[in-house]
């Protein structure tokens, strides 16, 4: 299973954040529109990310709901029939929530910097420090903390859970 170190934080001034991200990023932005549907899952989270009518990603992940840098273990499976898969998963597991967002993706080395505009919730930033199997978790935490400092992300801005936990579009 793949792993990364993640942080998620609320953003008060998106334009200021984007300016700081563009100073540190190696590449980007790439704009991505995402429609994430979450399904009942007894361990971790399971979501289907619709990226186009004929492309989606089924994503399972498990991470603690704590603020600050945290380990996330995940697995991604690609589908060319996302709507059909969504209907199957809805019948089998049930839908618990949905998150719609516009994401600006930047890269800093192997770290994905997401500047998100989430429908109904506002602006956020996510850091995903991708780790190889041989990378120690402490390396990812160090990179995340360094980027937090460079981007002006304060401890009080950090969020514990997922967007779906905050979203008003919930089906539980």
N, C-alpha and C. Protein backbone atom coordinates (compact mmCIF):
# COMPACT_ATOMS: atom_id res chain seq x y z
N UNK A 1 0.85 -1.17 0.00
CA UNK A 1 0.00 0.00 0.00
C UNK A 1 0.90 1.24 0.00
N UNK A 2 0.53 2.24 -0.79
CA UNK A 2 1.30 3.48 -0.85
C UNK A 2 1.09 4.29 0.43
N UNK A 3 2.02 5.22 0.70
CA UNK A 3 1.88 6.04 1.90
C UNK A 3 2.39 7.44 1.64
N UNK A 4 1.82 8.38 2.38
CA UNK A 4 2.32 9.73 2.36
C UNK A 4 2.09 10.37 3.72
N UNK A 5 2.69 11.53 3.90
CA UNK A 5 2.45 12.34 5.08
C UNK A 5 1.58 13.51 4.62
N UNK A 6 0.48 13.76 5.34
CA UNK A 6 -0.48 14.78 4.92
C UNK A 6 -0.71 15.81 6.01
N UNK A 7 -1.04 17.01 5.54
CA UNK A 7 -1.66 18.01 6.41
C UNK A 7 -2.77 18.66 5.58
N UNK A 8 -3.76 19.16 6.29
CA UNK A 8 -4.85 19.92 5.67
C UNK A 8 -5.09 21.13 6.56
N UNK A 9 -5.27 22.31 5.93
CA UNK A 9 -5.46 23.53 6.71
C UNK A 9 -6.46 24.44 6.01
N UNK A 10 -7.17 25.22 6.81
CA UNK A 10 -8.06 26.23 6.24
C UNK A 10 -7.22 27.41 5.77
N UNK A 11 -7.75 28.13 4.79
CA UNK A 11 -7.05 29.26 4.18
C UNK A 11 -7.93 30.50 4.28
N UNK A 12 -7.39 31.55 4.85
CA UNK A 12 -8.14 32.80 4.95
C UNK A 12 -8.00 33.65 3.70
N UNK A 13 -6.78 33.70 3.12
CA UNK A 13 -6.55 34.51 1.93
C UNK A 13 -5.93 33.64 0.85
N UNK A 14 -6.78 33.15 -0.05
CA UNK A 14 -6.34 32.22 -1.09
C UNK A 14 -5.30 32.85 -2.02
N UNK A 15 -5.48 34.12 -2.38
CA UNK A 15 -4.54 34.78 -3.30
C UNK A 15 -3.14 34.85 -2.69
N UNK A 16 -3.05 35.18 -1.40
CA UNK A 16 -1.74 35.22 -0.73
C UNK A 16 -1.11 33.84 -0.69
N UNK A 17 -1.91 32.82 -0.40
CA UNK A 17 -1.38 31.46 -0.36
C UNK A 17 -0.86 31.04 -1.73
N UNK A 18 -1.63 31.28 -2.76
CA UNK A 18 -1.22 30.90 -4.12
C UNK A 18 0.10 31.58 -4.48
N UNK A 19 0.27 32.85 -4.12
CA UNK A 19 1.52 33.55 -4.40
C UNK A 19 2.69 32.88 -3.70
N UNK A 20 2.51 32.46 -2.45
CA UNK A 20 3.57 31.76 -1.72
C UNK A 20 3.85 30.39 -2.33
N UNK A 21 2.80 29.66 -2.70
CA UNK A 21 2.97 28.33 -3.30
C UNK A 21 3.75 28.46 -4.61
N UNK A 22 3.43 29.46 -5.41
CA UNK A 22 4.11 29.63 -6.70
C UNK A 22 5.59 29.97 -6.53
N UNK A 23 5.97 30.53 -5.38
CA UNK A 23 7.39 30.80 -5.12
C UNK A 23 8.17 29.53 -4.81
N UNK A 24 7.53 28.51 -4.21
CA UNK A 24 8.25 27.30 -3.81
C UNK A 24 8.05 26.14 -4.78
N UNK A 25 6.99 26.15 -5.56
CA UNK A 25 6.64 24.99 -6.40
C UNK A 25 7.59 24.82 -7.58
N UNK A 26 7.83 23.55 -7.90
CA UNK A 26 8.62 23.21 -9.09
C UNK A 26 7.76 23.26 -10.35
N UNK A 27 6.47 22.98 -10.20
CA UNK A 27 5.56 22.97 -11.35
C UNK A 27 4.14 23.24 -10.88
N UNK A 28 3.31 23.59 -11.86
CA UNK A 28 1.91 23.86 -11.60
C UNK A 28 1.60 25.32 -11.86
N UNK A 29 0.36 25.66 -11.79
CA UNK A 29 -0.75 24.83 -11.33
C UNK A 29 -1.40 24.04 -12.46
N UNK A 30 -1.98 22.92 -12.08
CA UNK A 30 -2.87 22.16 -12.93
C UNK A 30 -4.23 22.22 -12.25
N UNK A 31 -5.25 22.68 -12.98
CA UNK A 31 -6.59 22.76 -12.39
C UNK A 31 -7.31 21.43 -12.59
N UNK A 32 -7.88 20.93 -11.50
CA UNK A 32 -8.60 19.66 -11.52
C UNK A 32 -9.94 19.85 -10.83
N UNK A 33 -11.01 19.44 -11.48
CA UNK A 33 -12.33 19.44 -10.84
C UNK A 33 -12.63 18.03 -10.38
N UNK A 34 -13.01 17.90 -9.10
CA UNK A 34 -13.22 16.58 -8.52
C UNK A 34 -14.60 16.49 -7.90
N UNK A 35 -15.22 15.34 -8.12
CA UNK A 35 -16.51 15.01 -7.52
C UNK A 35 -16.30 13.69 -6.78
N UNK A 36 -16.18 13.78 -5.45
CA UNK A 36 -15.87 12.61 -4.62
C UNK A 36 -17.13 12.12 -3.92
N UNK A 37 -17.46 10.85 -4.12
CA UNK A 37 -18.57 10.21 -3.42
C UNK A 37 -17.98 9.21 -2.44
N UNK A 38 -18.39 9.33 -1.16
CA UNK A 38 -17.88 8.47 -0.09
C UNK A 38 -18.88 7.37 0.22
N UNK A 39 -18.36 6.18 0.51
CA UNK A 39 -19.17 5.01 0.79
C UNK A 39 -18.90 4.50 2.19
N UNK A 40 -19.88 3.80 2.75
CA UNK A 40 -19.69 3.19 4.07
C UNK A 40 -18.47 2.27 4.01
N UNK A 41 -17.67 2.38 5.03
CA UNK A 41 -16.43 1.59 5.08
C UNK A 41 -16.10 1.41 6.55
N UNK A 42 -15.93 0.18 7.00
CA UNK A 42 -15.72 -0.08 8.42
C UNK A 42 -14.32 0.29 8.90
N UNK A 43 -13.39 0.43 7.99
CA UNK A 43 -12.00 0.72 8.37
C UNK A 43 -11.43 1.72 7.38
N UNK A 44 -11.19 2.95 7.80
CA UNK A 44 -10.68 3.98 6.89
C UNK A 44 -11.81 4.59 6.09
N UNK A 45 -11.47 5.11 4.91
CA UNK A 45 -12.45 5.76 4.03
C UNK A 45 -12.33 5.19 2.63
N UNK A 46 -13.49 5.14 1.94
CA UNK A 46 -13.55 4.67 0.56
C UNK A 46 -14.32 5.69 -0.24
N UNK A 47 -13.69 6.20 -1.30
CA UNK A 47 -14.36 7.19 -2.14
C UNK A 47 -14.11 6.90 -3.60
N UNK A 48 -15.08 7.31 -4.41
CA UNK A 48 -14.94 7.24 -5.85
C UNK A 48 -14.80 8.68 -6.33
N UNK A 49 -13.69 8.97 -6.97
CA UNK A 49 -13.41 10.31 -7.49
C UNK A 49 -13.74 10.32 -8.98
N UNK A 50 -14.77 11.09 -9.32
CA UNK A 50 -15.17 11.26 -10.72
C UNK A 50 -14.39 12.43 -11.28
N UNK A 51 -13.57 12.17 -12.29
CA UNK A 51 -12.77 13.21 -12.94
C UNK A 51 -13.28 13.55 -14.33
N UNK A 52 -13.98 12.61 -14.96
CA UNK A 52 -14.64 12.84 -16.25
C UNK A 52 -15.66 11.71 -16.41
N UNK A 53 -16.54 11.81 -17.40
CA UNK A 53 -17.55 10.75 -17.57
C UNK A 53 -16.95 9.35 -17.80
N UNK A 54 -15.72 9.29 -18.32
CA UNK A 54 -15.14 7.97 -18.57
C UNK A 54 -13.81 7.76 -17.84
N UNK A 55 -13.61 8.50 -16.75
CA UNK A 55 -12.41 8.27 -15.94
C UNK A 55 -12.69 8.61 -14.48
N UNK A 56 -12.36 7.66 -13.63
CA UNK A 56 -12.50 7.87 -12.19
C UNK A 56 -11.47 7.05 -11.44
N UNK A 57 -11.37 7.34 -10.15
CA UNK A 57 -10.44 6.62 -9.30
C UNK A 57 -11.17 6.18 -8.03
N UNK A 58 -11.11 4.90 -7.74
CA UNK A 58 -11.61 4.38 -6.48
C UNK A 58 -10.44 4.45 -5.51
N UNK A 59 -10.62 5.19 -4.42
CA UNK A 59 -9.52 5.46 -3.50
C UNK A 59 -9.91 4.98 -2.10
N UNK A 60 -9.09 4.09 -1.57
CA UNK A 60 -9.22 3.69 -0.17
C UNK A 60 -8.06 4.35 0.58
N UNK A 61 -8.36 4.94 1.74
CA UNK A 61 -7.27 5.47 2.56
C UNK A 61 -7.61 5.35 4.03
N UNK A 62 -6.54 5.30 4.81
CA UNK A 62 -6.67 5.18 6.24
C UNK A 62 -5.63 6.10 6.87
N UNK A 63 -6.10 7.07 7.66
CA UNK A 63 -5.21 7.99 8.35
C UNK A 63 -5.90 8.44 9.63
N UNK A 64 -5.12 8.79 10.63
CA UNK A 64 -5.73 9.27 11.87
C UNK A 64 -6.34 10.66 11.68
N UNK A 65 -7.41 10.94 12.40
CA UNK A 65 -8.06 12.26 12.35
C UNK A 65 -7.43 13.14 13.42
N UNK A 66 -6.20 13.58 13.14
CA UNK A 66 -5.48 14.48 14.03
C UNK A 66 -4.96 15.64 13.21
N UNK A 67 -4.74 16.78 13.86
CA UNK A 67 -4.16 17.91 13.13
C UNK A 67 -2.66 17.70 13.03
N UNK A 68 -2.04 18.40 12.11
CA UNK A 68 -0.60 18.28 11.93
C UNK A 68 -0.25 17.16 10.98
N UNK A 69 1.04 17.00 10.69
CA UNK A 69 1.48 15.95 9.77
C UNK A 69 1.08 14.57 10.28
N UNK A 70 0.49 13.77 9.39
CA UNK A 70 0.02 12.43 9.76
C UNK A 70 0.23 11.47 8.60
N UNK A 71 0.46 10.21 8.93
CA UNK A 71 0.66 9.17 7.91
C UNK A 71 -0.68 8.78 7.32
N UNK A 72 -0.70 8.63 6.01
CA UNK A 72 -1.88 8.15 5.30
C UNK A 72 -1.46 6.99 4.42
N UNK A 73 -2.12 5.85 4.61
CA UNK A 73 -1.90 4.70 3.75
C UNK A 73 -3.05 4.65 2.77
N UNK A 74 -2.75 4.44 1.48
CA UNK A 74 -3.81 4.51 0.49
C UNK A 74 -3.56 3.55 -0.68
N UNK A 75 -4.65 3.29 -1.39
CA UNK A 75 -4.61 2.47 -2.59
C UNK A 75 -5.58 3.07 -3.60
N UNK A 76 -5.17 3.16 -4.85
CA UNK A 76 -5.98 3.77 -5.90
C UNK A 76 -6.16 2.78 -7.04
N UNK A 77 -7.43 2.61 -7.47
CA UNK A 77 -7.75 1.79 -8.63
C UNK A 77 -8.48 2.66 -9.65
N UNK A 78 -8.04 2.60 -10.88
CA UNK A 78 -8.61 3.41 -11.95
C UNK A 78 -9.80 2.69 -12.58
N UNK A 79 -10.81 3.48 -12.98
CA UNK A 79 -11.96 2.92 -13.69
C UNK A 79 -12.30 3.79 -14.90
N UNK A 80 -12.74 3.16 -15.96
CA UNK A 80 -13.22 3.90 -17.14
C UNK A 80 -14.75 3.94 -17.16
N UNK A 81 -15.37 3.38 -16.12
CA UNK A 81 -16.83 3.40 -15.99
C UNK A 81 -17.21 3.88 -14.58
N UNK A 82 -16.86 5.12 -14.24
CA UNK A 82 -17.08 5.57 -12.87
C UNK A 82 -18.55 5.64 -12.45
N UNK A 83 -19.44 6.01 -13.36
CA UNK A 83 -20.85 6.10 -12.99
C UNK A 83 -21.44 4.71 -12.70
N UNK A 84 -21.06 3.73 -13.48
CA UNK A 84 -21.52 2.36 -13.24
C UNK A 84 -20.96 1.83 -11.92
N UNK A 85 -19.68 2.09 -11.68
CA UNK A 85 -19.07 1.66 -10.43
C UNK A 85 -19.73 2.35 -9.24
N UNK A 86 -20.05 3.63 -9.37
CA UNK A 86 -20.70 4.36 -8.28
C UNK A 86 -22.05 3.73 -7.94
N UNK A 87 -22.83 3.38 -8.95
CA UNK A 87 -24.14 2.76 -8.69
C UNK A 87 -23.98 1.41 -8.00
N UNK A 88 -22.98 0.64 -8.40
CA UNK A 88 -22.73 -0.66 -7.77
C UNK A 88 -22.33 -0.48 -6.31
N UNK A 89 -21.42 0.44 -6.05
CA UNK A 89 -20.98 0.68 -4.67
C UNK A 89 -22.10 1.26 -3.81
N UNK A 90 -22.95 2.10 -4.41
CA UNK A 90 -24.07 2.66 -3.66
C UNK A 90 -25.01 1.56 -3.19
N UNK A 91 -25.32 0.63 -4.08
CA UNK A 91 -26.21 -0.48 -3.73
C UNK A 91 -25.55 -1.39 -2.68
N UNK A 92 -24.28 -1.67 -2.88
CA UNK A 92 -23.58 -2.62 -2.00
C UNK A 92 -23.24 -2.03 -0.63
N UNK A 93 -22.82 -0.76 -0.59
CA UNK A 93 -22.29 -0.20 0.65
C UNK A 93 -23.08 0.97 1.21
N UNK A 94 -23.71 1.74 0.34
CA UNK A 94 -24.40 2.95 0.75
C UNK A 94 -23.48 4.16 0.71
N UNK A 95 -24.04 5.30 0.36
CA UNK A 95 -23.29 6.55 0.27
C UNK A 95 -23.37 7.27 1.62
N UNK A 96 -22.22 7.80 2.07
CA UNK A 96 -22.19 8.56 3.32
C UNK A 96 -21.97 10.06 3.10
N UNK A 97 -21.50 10.47 1.93
CA UNK A 97 -21.27 11.89 1.69
C UNK A 97 -20.70 12.16 0.31
N UNK A 98 -20.65 13.43 0.00
CA UNK A 98 -20.14 13.85 -1.30
C UNK A 98 -19.40 15.18 -1.13
N UNK A 99 -18.29 15.32 -1.85
CA UNK A 99 -17.48 16.54 -1.80
C UNK A 99 -17.18 16.97 -3.23
N UNK A 100 -17.51 18.22 -3.54
CA UNK A 100 -17.21 18.81 -4.84
C UNK A 100 -16.15 19.88 -4.65
N UNK A 101 -15.10 19.83 -5.47
CA UNK A 101 -14.05 20.82 -5.31
C UNK A 101 -13.33 21.11 -6.62
N UNK A 102 -12.76 22.32 -6.63
CA UNK A 102 -11.83 22.71 -7.69
C UNK A 102 -10.46 22.77 -7.03
N UNK A 103 -9.53 22.05 -7.60
CA UNK A 103 -8.20 21.91 -7.01
C UNK A 103 -7.15 22.47 -7.95
N UNK A 104 -6.23 23.26 -7.39
CA UNK A 104 -5.03 23.66 -8.10
C UNK A 104 -3.91 22.78 -7.56
N UNK A 105 -3.29 22.01 -8.44
CA UNK A 105 -2.22 21.09 -8.06
C UNK A 105 -0.87 21.69 -8.43
N UNK A 106 0.01 21.78 -7.44
CA UNK A 106 1.39 22.18 -7.64
C UNK A 106 2.28 21.04 -7.12
N UNK A 107 3.50 20.98 -7.62
CA UNK A 107 4.46 19.99 -7.15
C UNK A 107 5.68 20.69 -6.55
N UNK A 108 6.16 20.14 -5.47
CA UNK A 108 7.41 20.55 -4.84
C UNK A 108 8.18 19.26 -4.58
N UNK A 109 9.09 18.90 -5.49
CA UNK A 109 9.73 17.60 -5.42
C UNK A 109 8.67 16.53 -5.55
N UNK A 110 8.62 15.60 -4.59
CA UNK A 110 7.60 14.53 -4.61
C UNK A 110 6.36 14.92 -3.81
N UNK A 111 6.29 16.18 -3.39
CA UNK A 111 5.16 16.64 -2.58
C UNK A 111 4.12 17.32 -3.45
N UNK A 112 2.88 16.87 -3.26
CA UNK A 112 1.75 17.47 -3.95
C UNK A 112 1.18 18.57 -3.06
N UNK A 113 1.10 19.78 -3.60
CA UNK A 113 0.49 20.90 -2.89
C UNK A 113 -0.85 21.17 -3.56
N UNK A 114 -1.93 21.02 -2.80
CA UNK A 114 -3.27 21.25 -3.33
C UNK A 114 -3.83 22.53 -2.73
N UNK A 115 -4.29 23.43 -3.58
CA UNK A 115 -5.05 24.59 -3.12
C UNK A 115 -6.48 24.31 -3.57
N UNK A 116 -7.35 24.07 -2.60
CA UNK A 116 -8.71 23.59 -2.88
C UNK A 116 -9.76 24.65 -2.60
N UNK A 117 -10.75 24.71 -3.48
CA UNK A 117 -11.97 25.48 -3.25
C UNK A 117 -13.08 24.44 -3.17
N UNK A 118 -13.61 24.22 -1.96
CA UNK A 118 -14.58 23.16 -1.72
C UNK A 118 -15.97 23.78 -1.64
N UNK A 119 -16.88 23.27 -2.46
CA UNK A 119 -18.25 23.79 -2.50
C UNK A 119 -18.87 23.71 -1.10
N UNK A 120 -19.37 24.83 -0.64
CA UNK A 120 -20.05 24.90 0.65
C UNK A 120 -19.14 25.03 1.85
N UNK A 121 -17.81 24.94 1.65
CA UNK A 121 -16.89 24.98 2.79
C UNK A 121 -15.85 26.08 2.72
N UNK A 122 -15.37 26.43 1.51
CA UNK A 122 -14.37 27.48 1.39
C UNK A 122 -13.04 26.99 0.84
N UNK A 123 -11.97 27.71 1.22
CA UNK A 123 -10.62 27.46 0.68
C UNK A 123 -9.75 26.72 1.69
N UNK A 124 -8.93 25.82 1.15
CA UNK A 124 -8.07 24.98 1.98
C UNK A 124 -6.76 24.70 1.24
N UNK A 125 -5.77 24.26 1.99
CA UNK A 125 -4.52 23.79 1.40
C UNK A 125 -4.24 22.40 1.98
N UNK A 126 -3.76 21.53 1.11
CA UNK A 126 -3.33 20.19 1.53
C UNK A 126 -1.90 19.98 1.05
N UNK A 127 -1.11 19.36 1.89
CA UNK A 127 0.22 18.90 1.49
C UNK A 127 0.21 17.38 1.56
N UNK A 128 0.68 16.75 0.51
CA UNK A 128 0.83 15.29 0.49
C UNK A 128 2.28 14.98 0.14
N UNK A 129 3.06 14.63 1.14
CA UNK A 129 4.46 14.28 0.94
C UNK A 129 4.52 12.79 0.63
N UNK A 130 4.70 12.45 -0.64
CA UNK A 130 4.71 11.05 -1.07
C UNK A 130 6.01 10.39 -0.63
N UNK A 131 5.88 9.23 0.01
CA UNK A 131 7.04 8.51 0.52
C UNK A 131 7.24 7.21 -0.25
N UNK A 132 8.50 6.87 -0.49
CA UNK A 132 8.80 5.55 -1.06
C UNK A 132 8.80 4.55 0.09
N UNK A 133 8.85 3.27 -0.26
CA UNK A 133 8.85 2.22 0.78
C UNK A 133 10.03 2.37 1.74
N UNK A 134 11.14 2.90 1.24
CA UNK A 134 12.34 3.00 2.09
C UNK A 134 12.44 4.33 2.83
N UNK A 135 11.58 5.30 2.52
CA UNK A 135 11.64 6.60 3.18
C UNK A 135 11.10 6.50 4.60
N UNK A 136 11.83 7.05 5.57
CA UNK A 136 11.30 7.08 6.94
C UNK A 136 10.18 8.11 7.06
N UNK A 137 9.22 7.82 7.92
CA UNK A 137 8.09 8.71 8.14
C UNK A 137 8.58 10.09 8.60
N UNK A 138 9.65 10.11 9.38
CA UNK A 138 10.20 11.37 9.90
C UNK A 138 10.63 12.31 8.77
N UNK A 139 11.11 11.76 7.66
CA UNK A 139 11.50 12.59 6.52
C UNK A 139 10.28 13.31 5.97
N UNK A 140 9.17 12.59 5.81
CA UNK A 140 7.94 13.21 5.32
C UNK A 140 7.42 14.28 6.27
N UNK A 141 7.49 14.00 7.57
CA UNK A 141 7.05 14.98 8.56
C UNK A 141 7.91 16.24 8.50
N UNK A 142 9.22 16.05 8.31
CA UNK A 142 10.15 17.19 8.23
C UNK A 142 9.84 18.05 7.00
N UNK A 143 9.60 17.41 5.86
CA UNK A 143 9.27 18.16 4.64
C UNK A 143 7.96 18.91 4.81
N UNK A 144 6.96 18.25 5.40
CA UNK A 144 5.66 18.90 5.61
C UNK A 144 5.81 20.11 6.53
N UNK A 145 6.55 19.95 7.61
CA UNK A 145 6.73 21.07 8.55
C UNK A 145 7.49 22.23 7.92
N UNK A 146 8.50 21.91 7.10
CA UNK A 146 9.24 22.96 6.40
C UNK A 146 8.33 23.72 5.44
N UNK A 147 7.52 22.99 4.68
CA UNK A 147 6.59 23.64 3.74
C UNK A 147 5.53 24.45 4.48
N UNK A 148 5.05 23.94 5.61
CA UNK A 148 4.09 24.70 6.40
C UNK A 148 4.67 26.05 6.78
N UNK A 149 5.92 26.06 7.21
CA UNK A 149 6.58 27.30 7.60
C UNK A 149 6.72 28.23 6.39
N UNK A 150 7.17 27.69 5.27
CA UNK A 150 7.39 28.52 4.07
C UNK A 150 6.08 29.07 3.51
N UNK A 151 4.97 28.36 3.73
CA UNK A 151 3.68 28.80 3.20
C UNK A 151 2.85 29.56 4.23
N UNK A 152 3.39 29.74 5.42
CA UNK A 152 2.69 30.50 6.45
C UNK A 152 1.49 29.76 7.04
N UNK A 153 1.53 28.43 7.03
CA UNK A 153 0.45 27.62 7.60
C UNK A 153 0.70 27.50 9.10
N UNK A 154 -0.25 27.99 9.88
CA UNK A 154 -0.11 27.99 11.34
C UNK A 154 -0.82 26.78 11.94
N UNK A 155 -0.37 26.38 13.12
CA UNK A 155 -0.98 25.23 13.81
C UNK A 155 -2.49 25.41 13.99
N UNK A 156 -2.93 26.62 14.28
CA UNK A 156 -4.36 26.86 14.50
C UNK A 156 -5.19 26.74 13.22
N UNK A 157 -4.53 26.73 12.05
CA UNK A 157 -5.24 26.57 10.78
C UNK A 157 -5.44 25.10 10.41
N UNK A 158 -4.71 24.19 11.08
CA UNK A 158 -4.73 22.78 10.73
C UNK A 158 -6.07 22.13 11.07
N UNK A 159 -6.47 21.20 10.21
CA UNK A 159 -7.73 20.47 10.37
C UNK A 159 -7.43 19.01 10.68
N UNK A 160 -8.36 18.38 11.38
CA UNK A 160 -8.16 16.99 11.79
C UNK A 160 -8.70 15.98 10.79
N UNK A 161 -9.90 16.17 10.30
CA UNK A 161 -10.57 15.15 9.50
C UNK A 161 -10.50 15.42 8.01
N UNK A 162 -11.50 14.90 7.32
CA UNK A 162 -11.63 15.05 5.88
C UNK A 162 -12.71 16.07 5.56
N UNK A 163 -12.71 16.56 4.33
CA UNK A 163 -13.75 17.50 3.91
C UNK A 163 -15.14 16.91 4.12
N UNK A 164 -15.28 15.63 3.87
CA UNK A 164 -16.60 14.99 3.99
C UNK A 164 -17.13 15.07 5.42
N UNK A 165 -16.23 15.14 6.39
CA UNK A 165 -16.64 15.27 7.79
C UNK A 165 -17.26 16.65 8.07
N UNK A 166 -16.86 17.65 7.30
CA UNK A 166 -17.33 19.02 7.49
C UNK A 166 -18.48 19.38 6.56
N UNK A 167 -18.66 18.57 5.54
CA UNK A 167 -19.55 18.93 4.43
C UNK A 167 -21.01 18.79 4.80
N UNK A 168 -21.80 19.72 4.31
CA UNK A 168 -23.25 19.68 4.54
C UNK A 168 -23.93 18.65 3.64
N UNK A 169 -23.23 18.17 2.60
CA UNK A 169 -23.79 17.13 1.72
C UNK A 169 -23.41 15.78 2.32
N UNK A 170 -24.17 15.35 3.33
CA UNK A 170 -23.86 14.11 4.03
C UNK A 170 -25.07 13.20 3.97
N UNK A 171 -24.84 11.90 3.84
CA UNK A 171 -25.93 10.95 3.66
C UNK A 171 -25.99 9.94 4.80
N UNK A 172 -25.28 10.16 5.92
CA UNK A 172 -25.28 9.17 6.98
C UNK A 172 -26.56 9.18 7.68
